């Protein structure tokens, strides 16, 4: 499934990284610990987190993640937005909490 489909289905807002929103998503990963994401997220995953600083984009780029969803209406700082655009990592946001957006993403990615 493409990021554009997920944006539409989950009513996500695109903050930055627009040039890569047609990328494919292979799964999801939920964590707020950068070291956990580095150790366990897989290429093509969409990462759900409350973190908003630029290291989120650095980790997403390192792991070749498809995108980052920031939950609970939190907004990334300007450095994060700039890095996202440079690294072509879409940063998306939602007012929804982590539990609910993860469940909805799981259902969406596992439709038969």
C-alpha atoms as a PDB file:
ATOM      1  CA  UNK A   1       0.000   0.000   0.000  1.00  0.00           C
ATOM      2  CA  UNK A   2       1.246   3.496  -0.807  1.00  0.00           C
ATOM      3  CA  UNK A   3       1.680   6.288   1.737  1.00  0.00           C
ATOM      4  CA  UNK A   4      -0.864   8.358  -0.220  1.00  0.00           C
ATOM      5  CA  UNK A   5      -3.507   5.676   0.406  1.00  0.00           C
ATOM      6  CA  UNK A   6      -2.694   5.590   4.113  1.00  0.00           C
ATOM      7  CA  UNK A   7      -2.872   9.396   4.338  1.00  0.00           C
ATOM      8  CA  UNK A   8      -6.344   9.327   2.808  1.00  0.00           C
ATOM      9  CA  UNK A   9      -7.683   6.363   4.784  1.00  0.00           C
ATOM     10  CA  UNK A  10      -6.366   7.550   8.157  1.00  0.00           C
ATOM     11  CA  UNK A  11      -6.996  11.263   7.530  1.00  0.00           C
ATOM     12  CA  UNK A  12      -3.363  12.182   8.143  1.00  0.00           C
ATOM     13  CA  UNK A  13      -1.820  15.599   7.593  1.00  0.00           C
ATOM     14  CA  UNK A  14       1.378  15.820   5.537  1.00  0.00           C
ATOM     15  CA  UNK A  15       3.864  18.031   7.386  1.00  0.00           C
ATOM     16  CA  UNK A  16       6.918  17.532   5.159  1.00  0.00           C
ATOM     17  CA  UNK A  17       8.667  15.111   2.830  1.00  0.00           C
ATOM     18  CA  UNK A  18       5.936  15.459   0.195  1.00  0.00           C
ATOM     19  CA  UNK A  19       8.215  14.242  -2.597  1.00  0.00           C
ATOM     20  CA  UNK A  20       8.148  10.685  -1.211  1.00  0.00           C
ATOM     21  CA  UNK A  21       4.479  10.183  -0.326  1.00  0.00           C
ATOM     22  CA  UNK A  22       4.005   7.700  -3.169  1.00  0.00           C
ATOM     23  CA  UNK A  23       6.431   5.222  -1.559  1.00  0.00           C
ATOM     24  CA  UNK A  24       5.221   1.761  -0.625  1.00  0.00           C
ATOM     25  CA  UNK A  25       4.647   0.796   3.010  1.00  0.00           C
ATOM     26  CA  UNK A  26       5.560  -2.762   4.024  1.00  0.00           C
ATOM     27  CA  UNK A  27       4.381  -2.647   7.641  1.00  0.00           C
ATOM     28  CA  UNK A  28       4.344  -0.537  10.750  1.00  0.00           C
ATOM     29  CA  UNK A  29       6.409   0.009  13.856  1.00  0.00           C
ATOM     30  CA  UNK A  30       5.445   1.737  17.100  1.00  0.00           C
ATOM     31  CA  UNK A  31       8.030   3.048  19.541  1.00  0.00           C
ATOM     32  CA  UNK A  32       9.230   6.228  21.184  1.00  0.00           C
ATOM     33  CA  UNK A  33      12.739   4.917  21.820  1.00  0.00           C
ATOM     34  CA  UNK A  34      15.113   5.686  18.978  1.00  0.00           C
ATOM     35  CA  UNK A  35      17.388   2.778  19.884  1.00  0.00           C
ATOM     36  CA  UNK A  36      14.423   0.393  19.724  1.00  0.00           C
ATOM     37  CA  UNK A  37      13.515   1.622  16.252  1.00  0.00           C
ATOM     38  CA  UNK A  38      17.128   1.304  15.102  1.00  0.00           C
ATOM     39  CA  UNK A  39      17.263  -2.257  16.401  1.00  0.00           C
ATOM     40  CA  UNK A  40      13.868  -3.516  15.292  1.00  0.00           C
ATOM     41  CA  UNK A  41      12.068  -1.485  12.627  1.00  0.00           C
ATOM     42  CA  UNK A  42      12.282  -2.825   9.097  1.00  0.00           C
ATOM     43  CA  UNK A  43      12.827  -1.119   5.776  1.00  0.00           C
ATOM     44  CA  UNK A  44       9.562   0.216   4.381  1.00  0.00           C
ATOM     45  CA  UNK A  45       7.807   0.402   7.762  1.00  0.00           C
ATOM     46  CA  UNK A  46       5.792   3.432   8.739  1.00  0.00           C
ATOM     47  CA  UNK A  47       6.856   4.540  12.229  1.00  0.00           C
ATOM     48  CA  UNK A  48       4.356   5.822  14.792  1.00  0.00           C
ATOM     49  CA  UNK A  49       5.775   8.000  17.591  1.00  0.00           C
ATOM     50  CA  UNK A  50       5.326  11.010  19.883  1.00  0.00           C
ATOM     51  CA  UNK A  51       8.878  12.169  19.178  1.00  0.00           C
ATOM     52  CA  UNK A  52       9.150  15.422  17.194  1.00  0.00           C
ATOM     53  CA  UNK A  53      12.883  16.266  17.066  1.00  0.00           C
ATOM     54  CA  UNK A  54      15.130  15.928  14.036  1.00  0.00           C
ATOM     55  CA  UNK A  55      16.722  12.678  15.246  1.00  0.00           C
ATOM     56  CA  UNK A  56      13.440  10.990  14.294  1.00  0.00           C
ATOM     57  CA  UNK A  57      14.172  11.764  10.652  1.00  0.00           C
ATOM     58  CA  UNK A  58      17.786  10.630  11.036  1.00  0.00           C
ATOM     59  CA  UNK A  59      16.637   7.243  12.365  1.00  0.00           C
ATOM     60  CA  UNK A  60      13.932   6.931   9.691  1.00  0.00           C
ATOM     61  CA  UNK A  61      16.526   7.641   7.005  1.00  0.00           C
ATOM     62  CA  UNK A  62      19.050   5.219   8.527  1.00  0.00           C
ATOM     63  CA  UNK A  63      16.448   2.422   8.551  1.00  0.00           C
ATOM     64  CA  UNK A  64      14.910   3.336   5.152  1.00  0.00           C
ATOM     65  CA  UNK A  65      11.500   3.754   6.735  1.00  0.00           C
ATOM     66  CA  UNK A  66       8.634   4.789   4.477  1.00  0.00           C
ATOM     67  CA  UNK A  67       7.321   7.590   6.722  1.00  0.00           C
ATOM     68  CA  UNK A  68       6.824   8.801  10.274  1.00  0.00           C
ATOM     69  CA  UNK A  69       3.437   9.463  11.892  1.00  0.00           C
ATOM     70  CA  UNK A  70       3.513  11.841  14.848  1.00  0.00           C
ATOM     71  CA  UNK A  71       0.475  11.326  17.084  1.00  0.00           C
ATOM     72  CA  UNK A  72      -1.713  13.318  19.491  1.00  0.00           C
ATOM     73  CA  UNK A  73      -1.535  16.525  17.467  1.00  0.00           C
ATOM     74  CA  UNK A  74       2.129  17.050  18.304  1.00  0.00           C
ATOM     75  CA  UNK A  75       4.081  19.050  15.746  1.00  0.00           C
ATOM     76  CA  UNK A  76       7.706  18.670  14.668  1.00  0.00           C
ATOM     77  CA  UNK A  77      10.072  21.580  15.107  1.00  0.00           C
ATOM     78  CA  UNK A  78      11.428  23.487  12.093  1.00  0.00           C
ATOM     79  CA  UNK A  79      14.722  21.533  12.104  1.00  0.00           C
ATOM     80  CA  UNK A  80      12.779  18.278  11.810  1.00  0.00           C
ATOM     81  CA  UNK A  81      10.734  19.608   8.905  1.00  0.00           C
ATOM     82  CA  UNK A  82      13.848  20.828   7.110  1.00  0.00           C
ATOM     83  CA  UNK A  83      15.674  17.510   7.623  1.00  0.00           C
ATOM     84  CA  UNK A  84      12.602  15.590   6.466  1.00  0.00           C
ATOM     85  CA  UNK A  85      12.522  17.513   3.205  1.00  0.00           C
ATOM     86  CA  UNK A  86      16.261  17.007   2.658  1.00  0.00           C
ATOM     87  CA  UNK A  87      16.121  13.262   3.452  1.00  0.00           C
ATOM     88  CA  UNK A  88      12.804  12.716   1.579  1.00  0.00           C
ATOM     89  CA  UNK A  89      11.171  11.143   4.628  1.00  0.00           C
ATOM     90  CA  UNK A  90       7.462  11.998   4.867  1.00  0.00           C
ATOM     91  CA  UNK A  91       6.465  13.283   8.297  1.00  0.00           C
ATOM     92  CA  UNK A  92       2.738  12.962   8.896  1.00  0.00           C
ATOM     93  CA  UNK A  93       0.587  13.966  11.830  1.00  0.00           C
ATOM     94  CA  UNK A  94      -2.680  12.976  13.423  1.00  0.00           C
ATOM     95  CA  UNK A  95      -4.744  14.110  16.391  1.00  0.00           C
ATOM     96  CA  UNK A  96      -5.354  10.426  17.159  1.00  0.00           C
ATOM     97  CA  UNK A  97      -3.474   8.687  19.977  1.00  0.00           C
ATOM     98  CA  UNK A  98      -0.877   5.978  19.390  1.00  0.00           C
ATOM     99  CA  UNK A  99      -3.097   3.026  20.323  1.00  0.00           C
ATOM    100  CA  UNK A 100      -5.909   3.947  17.959  1.00  0.00           C
ATOM    101  CA  UNK A 101      -3.808   4.991  14.962  1.00  0.00           C
ATOM    102  CA  UNK A 102      -1.701   1.814  15.286  1.00  0.00           C
ATOM    103  CA  UNK A 103      -4.850  -0.307  15.322  1.00  0.00           C
ATOM    104  CA  UNK A 104      -6.294   1.459  12.308  1.00  0.00           C
ATOM    105  CA  UNK A 105      -2.996   1.169  10.415  1.00  0.00           C
ATOM    106  CA  UNK A 106      -2.800  -2.539  11.252  1.00  0.00           C
ATOM    107  CA  UNK A 107      -6.313  -3.129   9.921  1.00  0.00           C
ATOM    108  CA  UNK A 108      -5.594  -1.133   6.782  1.00  0.00           C
ATOM    109  CA  UNK A 109      -2.359  -2.964   5.994  1.00  0.00           C
ATOM    110  CA  UNK A 110      -3.905  -6.371   6.669  1.00  0.00           C
ATOM    111  CA  UNK A 111      -7.099  -6.083   4.614  1.00  0.00           C
ATOM    112  CA  UNK A 112      -7.684  -9.248   2.658  1.00  0.00           C
END
